[in-house]
Amino acid sequence: MNLRNMTGIYIFHEDKVLLIRKTQSKIFSKPDTVLWCPVGGHFENDELNNPESCALREMFEETALKQADIKNLTLKYITLSKKYNEIRQQYIYFADLANQNFVIKECNEGELHWIKINDIQNLKMSFSNTQCLKHYFQAGKNDDFVYVSAVEVDEKNIPNVVFTPLRDFYTEY
């Protein structure tokens, strides 16, 4: 079984979020597929114990934004899913744009767009990202928890996600 570690950052500015419109990906391969994603990508070997480092590197590669150009960077979700012979783990961050002079640049991963928050539900996104955004706007943006979730599939192949706050655990041994 393989393991794929990924990160994503939803960057907000006023009533919009920065997303990438992708037509190709290592994760989906159907021709003519369009998928909307947060800025982000796959871990490099030296980032395996530092998802924030991966998220910031990917953000810079895809947008030219540096850490100083955003504020309130917060890890909110860690998702697990299984597809084929692969376990996919994604660390999802949220941030606000601090650089008011930011201009969208060309991105080799797809097309960057500012999307109105109210229009997100109409976009084709991965199941995990759709569910995380739904949860975020209903509950997650109003608390300080990091949530963990796993995509489970019932006998009819219908996916479901349960979000659980990740809390500190201490033991004497």
C-alpha atoms as a PDB file:
ATOM      1  CA  MET A   1       0.000   0.000   0.000  1.00  0.00           C
ATOM      2  CA  ASN A   2       1.337   3.435  -0.932  1.00  0.00           C
ATOM      3  CA  LEU A   3       0.973   6.650   1.055  1.00  0.00           C
ATOM      4  CA  ARG A   4       0.424  10.048  -0.561  1.00  0.00           C
ATOM      5  CA  ASN A   5       0.929  13.117   1.663  1.00  0.00           C
ATOM      6  CA  MET A   6      -0.493  16.415   0.434  1.00  0.00           C
ATOM      7  CA  THR A   7      -1.249  19.921   1.637  1.00  0.00           C
ATOM      8  CA  GLY A   8      -3.702  22.598   0.633  1.00  0.00           C
ATOM      9  CA  ILE A   9      -4.203  26.234   1.633  1.00  0.00           C
ATOM     10  CA  TYR A  10      -7.417  28.174   1.222  1.00  0.00           C
ATOM     11  CA  ILE A  11      -6.386  31.837   1.021  1.00  0.00           C
ATOM     12  CA  PHE A  12      -9.202  34.303   1.661  1.00  0.00           C
ATOM     13  CA  HIS A  13      -9.495  37.933   0.645  1.00  0.00           C
ATOM     14  CA  GLU A  14     -12.692  39.816   1.489  1.00  0.00           C
ATOM     15  CA  ASP A  15     -15.534  37.592   0.224  1.00  0.00           C
ATOM     16  CA  LYS A  16     -13.363  35.451  -2.081  1.00  0.00           C
ATOM     17  CA  VAL A  17     -11.027  32.457  -1.884  1.00  0.00           C
ATOM     18  CA  LEU A  18      -8.077  31.690  -4.161  1.00  0.00           C
ATOM     19  CA  LEU A  19      -8.526  28.400  -6.042  1.00  0.00           C
ATOM     20  CA  ILE A  20      -6.808  26.623  -8.912  1.00  0.00           C
ATOM     21  CA  ARG A  21      -8.796  25.321 -11.849  1.00  0.00           C
ATOM     22  CA  LYS A  22      -6.961  22.132 -12.814  1.00  0.00           C
ATOM     23  CA  THR A  23      -7.442  20.096 -15.951  1.00  0.00           C
ATOM     24  CA  GLN A  24      -4.701  17.556 -15.155  1.00  0.00           C
ATOM     25  CA  SER A  25      -3.363  16.107 -11.940  1.00  0.00           C
ATOM     26  CA  LYS A  26      -1.472  13.160 -10.488  1.00  0.00           C
ATOM     27  CA  ILE A  27      -4.664  12.396  -8.550  1.00  0.00           C
ATOM     28  CA  PHE A  28      -7.221  12.390 -11.374  1.00  0.00           C
ATOM     29  CA  SER A  29      -6.567  11.329 -14.926  1.00  0.00           C
ATOM     30  CA  LYS A  30      -9.849  11.365 -16.861  1.00  0.00           C
ATOM     31  CA  PRO A  31      -9.567  13.469 -20.016  1.00  0.00           C
ATOM     32  CA  ASP A  32     -11.566  16.709 -20.027  1.00  0.00           C
ATOM     33  CA  THR A  33     -11.905  16.650 -16.228  1.00  0.00           C
ATOM     34  CA  VAL A  34     -11.916  20.026 -14.523  1.00  0.00           C
ATOM     35  CA  LEU A  35     -11.348  20.103 -10.787  1.00  0.00           C
ATOM     36  CA  TRP A  36     -11.069  23.109  -8.486  1.00  0.00           C
ATOM     37  CA  CYS A  37      -8.462  22.841  -5.728  1.00  0.00           C
ATOM     38  CA  PRO A  38      -6.833  24.920  -3.043  1.00  0.00           C
ATOM     39  CA  VAL A  39      -3.246  25.998  -3.568  1.00  0.00           C
ATOM     40  CA  GLY A  40      -1.047  23.091  -2.506  1.00  0.00           C
ATOM     41  CA  GLY A  41       0.510  19.845  -3.497  1.00  0.00           C
ATOM     42  CA  HIS A  42       2.647  16.885  -2.552  1.00  0.00           C
ATOM     43  CA  PHE A  43       5.323  16.643   0.116  1.00  0.00           C
ATOM     44  CA  GLU A  44       9.005  16.602  -0.742  1.00  0.00           C
ATOM     45  CA  ASN A  45      11.109  14.085   1.219  1.00  0.00           C
ATOM     46  CA  ASP A  46      12.507  16.728   3.580  1.00  0.00           C
ATOM     47  CA  GLU A  47       8.971  17.959   4.431  1.00  0.00           C
ATOM     48  CA  LEU A  48       7.480  14.703   5.699  1.00  0.00           C
ATOM     49  CA  ASN A  49       7.388  15.922   9.304  1.00  0.00           C
ATOM     50  CA  ASN A  50       6.505  19.510   8.442  1.00  0.00           C
ATOM     51  CA  PRO A  51       3.277  19.940   6.447  1.00  0.00           C
ATOM     52  CA  GLU A  52       3.338  23.718   6.963  1.00  0.00           C
ATOM     53  CA  SER A  53       6.683  23.900   5.172  1.00  0.00           C
ATOM     54  CA  CYS A  54       5.199  21.952   2.263  1.00  0.00           C
ATOM     55  CA  ALA A  55       2.119  24.180   2.156  1.00  0.00           C
ATOM     56  CA  LEU A  56       4.227  27.359   2.121  1.00  0.00           C
ATOM     57  CA  ARG A  57       6.555  26.010  -0.578  1.00  0.00           C
ATOM     58  CA  GLU A  58       3.638  24.963  -2.763  1.00  0.00           C
ATOM     59  CA  MET A  59       1.939  28.322  -2.178  1.00  0.00           C
ATOM     60  CA  PHE A  60       5.058  30.150  -3.369  1.00  0.00           C
ATOM     61  CA  GLU A  61       5.549  27.866  -6.388  1.00  0.00           C
ATOM     62  CA  GLU A  62       1.943  28.257  -7.518  1.00  0.00           C
ATOM     63  CA  THR A  63       1.218  31.894  -6.616  1.00  0.00           C
ATOM     64  CA  ALA A  64       4.559  33.616  -5.814  1.00  0.00           C
ATOM     65  CA  LEU A  65       3.072  34.504  -2.403  1.00  0.00           C
ATOM     66  CA  LYS A  66       5.524  34.342   0.488  1.00  0.00           C
ATOM     67  CA  GLN A  67       4.673  33.653   4.112  1.00  0.00           C
ATOM     68  CA  ALA A  68       4.799  37.408   4.820  1.00  0.00           C
ATOM     69  CA  ASP A  69       2.064  37.907   2.181  1.00  0.00           C
ATOM     70  CA  ILE A  70      -0.498  35.948   4.232  1.00  0.00           C
ATOM     71  CA  LYS A  71      -1.691  36.091   7.827  1.00  0.00           C
ATOM     72  CA  ASN A  72      -3.540  33.811  10.240  1.00  0.00           C
ATOM     73  CA  LEU A  73      -2.159  30.613   8.693  1.00  0.00           C
ATOM     74  CA  THR A  74      -3.987  27.837  10.544  1.00  0.00           C
ATOM     75  CA  LEU A  75      -4.066  24.078  10.163  1.00  0.00           C
ATOM     76  CA  LYS A  76      -7.768  23.122  10.376  1.00  0.00           C
ATOM     77  CA  TYR A  77      -8.134  19.644   8.820  1.00  0.00           C
ATOM     78  CA  ILE A  78      -6.216  16.418   8.432  1.00  0.00           C
ATOM     79  CA  THR A  79      -8.063  14.077   6.091  1.00  0.00           C
ATOM     80  CA  LEU A  80      -7.561  10.414   5.272  1.00  0.00           C
ATOM     81  CA  SER A  81      -8.980   8.542   2.332  1.00  0.00           C
ATOM     82  CA  LYS A  82      -8.142   5.351   0.456  1.00  0.00           C
ATOM     83  CA  LYS A  83      -8.236   5.074  -3.300  1.00  0.00           C
ATOM     84  CA  TYR A  84      -7.083   1.995  -5.148  1.00  0.00           C
ATOM     85  CA  ASN A  85      -3.870   0.908  -3.410  1.00  0.00           C
ATOM     86  CA  GLU A  86      -3.111   4.284  -1.860  1.00  0.00           C
ATOM     87  CA  ILE A  87      -3.829   5.999   1.427  1.00  0.00           C
ATOM     88  CA  ARG A  88      -4.126   9.752   0.910  1.00  0.00           C
ATOM     89  CA  GLN A  89      -3.433  12.087   3.790  1.00  0.00           C
ATOM     90  CA  GLN A  90      -4.054  15.800   3.332  1.00  0.00           C
ATOM     91  CA  TYR A  91      -3.261  18.698   5.660  1.00  0.00           C
ATOM     92  CA  ILE A  92      -5.619  21.590   4.949  1.00  0.00           C
ATOM     93  CA  TYR A  93      -4.721  25.117   6.034  1.00  0.00           C
ATOM     94  CA  PHE A  94      -6.643  28.387   5.973  1.00  0.00           C
ATOM     95  CA  ALA A  95      -5.133  31.880   5.733  1.00  0.00           C
ATOM     96  CA  ASP A  96      -5.999  35.468   4.905  1.00  0.00           C
ATOM     97  CA  LEU A  97      -4.272  37.542   2.272  1.00  0.00           C
ATOM     98  CA  ALA A  98      -2.088  40.222   3.885  1.00  0.00           C
ATOM     99  CA  ASN A  99      -0.524  41.546   0.668  1.00  0.00           C
ATOM    100  CA  GLN A 100      -3.188  43.852  -0.781  1.00  0.00           C
ATOM    101  CA  ASN A 101      -1.028  44.339  -3.904  1.00  0.00           C
ATOM    102  CA  PHE A 102      -1.111  40.649  -4.865  1.00  0.00           C
ATOM    103  CA  VAL A 103      -1.839  40.044  -8.538  1.00  0.00           C
ATOM    104  CA  ILE A 104      -2.648  36.575  -9.857  1.00  0.00           C
ATOM    105  CA  LYS A 105       0.199  35.201 -11.932  1.00  0.00           C
ATOM    106  CA  GLU A 106       0.401  32.407 -14.426  1.00  0.00           C
ATOM    107  CA  CYS A 107       0.548  29.025 -12.713  1.00  0.00           C
ATOM    108  CA  ASN A 108       1.907  25.831 -14.261  1.00  0.00           C
ATOM    109  CA  GLU A 109      -0.529  23.761 -12.149  1.00  0.00           C
ATOM    110  CA  GLY A 110      -3.675  25.323 -13.656  1.00  0.00           C
ATOM    111  CA  GLU A 111      -5.474  28.661 -13.662  1.00  0.00           C
ATOM    112  CA  LEU A 112      -5.663  30.705 -10.452  1.00  0.00           C
ATOM    113  CA  HIS A 113      -8.980  32.447  -9.769  1.00  0.00           C
ATOM    114  CA  TRP A 114     -10.543  34.429  -6.943  1.00  0.00           C
ATOM    115  CA  ILE A 115     -13.909  32.714  -6.385  1.00  0.00           C
ATOM    116  CA  LYS A 116     -16.727  34.250  -4.353  1.00  0.00           C
ATOM    117  CA  ILE A 117     -17.304  32.185  -1.236  1.00  0.00           C
ATOM    118  CA  ASN A 118     -21.006  31.843  -2.070  1.00  0.00           C
ATOM    119  CA  ASP A 119     -20.107  30.275  -5.442  1.00  0.00           C
ATOM    120  CA  ILE A 120     -17.815  27.534  -4.098  1.00  0.00           C
ATOM    121  CA  GLN A 121     -20.618  24.986  -3.689  1.00  0.00           C
ATOM    122  CA  ASN A 122     -21.213  25.111  -7.469  1.00  0.00           C
ATOM    123  CA  LEU A 123     -17.652  24.037  -8.315  1.00  0.00           C
ATOM    124  CA  LYS A 124     -16.425  20.492  -8.921  1.00  0.00           C
ATOM    125  CA  MET A 125     -13.970  19.727  -6.115  1.00  0.00           C
ATOM    126  CA  SER A 126     -12.673  16.544  -4.530  1.00  0.00           C
ATOM    127  CA  PHE A 127     -15.054  14.955  -2.037  1.00  0.00           C
ATOM    128  CA  SER A 128     -12.679  15.570   0.906  1.00  0.00           C
ATOM    129  CA  ASN A 129     -12.187  19.240   0.052  1.00  0.00           C
ATOM    130  CA  THR A 130     -15.921  19.792  -0.524  1.00  0.00           C
ATOM    131  CA  GLN A 131     -16.743  18.273   2.848  1.00  0.00           C
ATOM    132  CA  CYS A 132     -13.984  20.198   4.666  1.00  0.00           C
ATOM    133  CA  LEU A 133     -15.190  23.522   3.233  1.00  0.00           C
ATOM    134  CA  LYS A 134     -18.785  22.704   4.146  1.00  0.00           C
ATOM    135  CA  HIS A 135     -17.724  21.850   7.700  1.00  0.00           C
ATOM    136  CA  TYR A 136     -15.454  24.897   7.909  1.00  0.00           C
ATOM    137  CA  PHE A 137     -18.246  27.342   7.077  1.00  0.00           C
ATOM    138  CA  GLN A 138     -20.712  25.581   9.398  1.00  0.00           C
ATOM    139  CA  ALA A 139     -18.438  25.093  12.424  1.00  0.00           C
ATOM    140  CA  GLY A 140     -14.680  25.059  11.892  1.00  0.00           C
ATOM    141  CA  LYS A 141     -14.132  28.758  11.258  1.00  0.00           C
ATOM    142  CA  ASN A 142     -15.653  29.546  14.662  1.00  0.00           C
ATOM    143  CA  ASP A 143     -13.323  27.451  16.825  1.00  0.00           C
ATOM    144  CA  ASP A 144      -9.657  26.663  17.385  1.00  0.00           C
ATOM    145  CA  PHE A 145      -9.778  22.910  16.767  1.00  0.00           C
ATOM    146  CA  VAL A 146      -7.793  20.927  14.266  1.00  0.00           C
ATOM    147  CA  TYR A 147     -10.194  18.331  12.871  1.00  0.00           C
ATOM    148  CA  VAL A 148      -9.358  14.860  11.656  1.00  0.00           C
ATOM    149  CA  SER A 149     -11.555  13.032   9.225  1.00  0.00           C
ATOM    150  CA  ALA A 150     -11.637   9.836   7.265  1.00  0.00           C
ATOM    151  CA  VAL A 151     -13.693   9.163   4.185  1.00  0.00           C
ATOM    152  CA  GLU A 152     -15.658   5.985   4.706  1.00  0.00           C
ATOM    153  CA  VAL A 153     -17.698   4.265   2.004  1.00  0.00           C
ATOM    154  CA  ASP A 154     -20.768   2.162   2.686  1.00  0.00           C
ATOM    155  CA  GLU A 155     -21.751  -1.048   0.882  1.00  0.00           C
ATOM    156  CA  LYS A 156     -23.454   1.027  -1.855  1.00  0.00           C
ATOM    157  CA  ASN A 157     -20.218   2.994  -2.459  1.00  0.00           C
ATOM    158  CA  ILE A 158     -21.681   6.164  -0.930  1.00  0.00           C
ATOM    159  CA  PRO A 159     -18.961   8.203   0.804  1.00  0.00           C
ATOM    160  CA  ASN A 160     -19.344   9.835   4.191  1.00  0.00           C
ATOM    161  CA  VAL A 161     -17.038  11.936   6.373  1.00  0.00           C
ATOM    162  CA  VAL A 162     -17.118  12.366  10.134  1.00  0.00           C
ATOM    163  CA  PHE A 163     -15.120  15.227  11.642  1.00  0.00           C
ATOM    164  CA  THR A 164     -13.543  14.795  15.062  1.00  0.00           C
ATOM    165  CA  PRO A 165     -11.649  17.514  16.943  1.00  0.00           C
ATOM    166  CA  LEU A 166      -8.061  16.455  17.552  1.00  0.00           C
ATOM    167  CA  ARG A 167      -7.356  17.012  21.250  1.00  0.00           C
ATOM    168  CA  ASP A 168      -4.157  16.739  23.252  1.00  0.00           C
ATOM    169  CA  PHE A 169      -3.605  13.338  24.815  1.00  0.00           C
ATOM    170  CA  TYR A 170      -1.365  12.852  27.816  1.00  0.00           C
ATOM    171  CA  THR A 171      -0.448   9.692  29.641  1.00  0.00           C
ATOM    172  CA  GLU A 172       1.949   8.933  32.473  1.00  0.00           C
ATOM    173  CA  TYR A 173       3.793   6.256  30.501  1.00  0.00           C
END
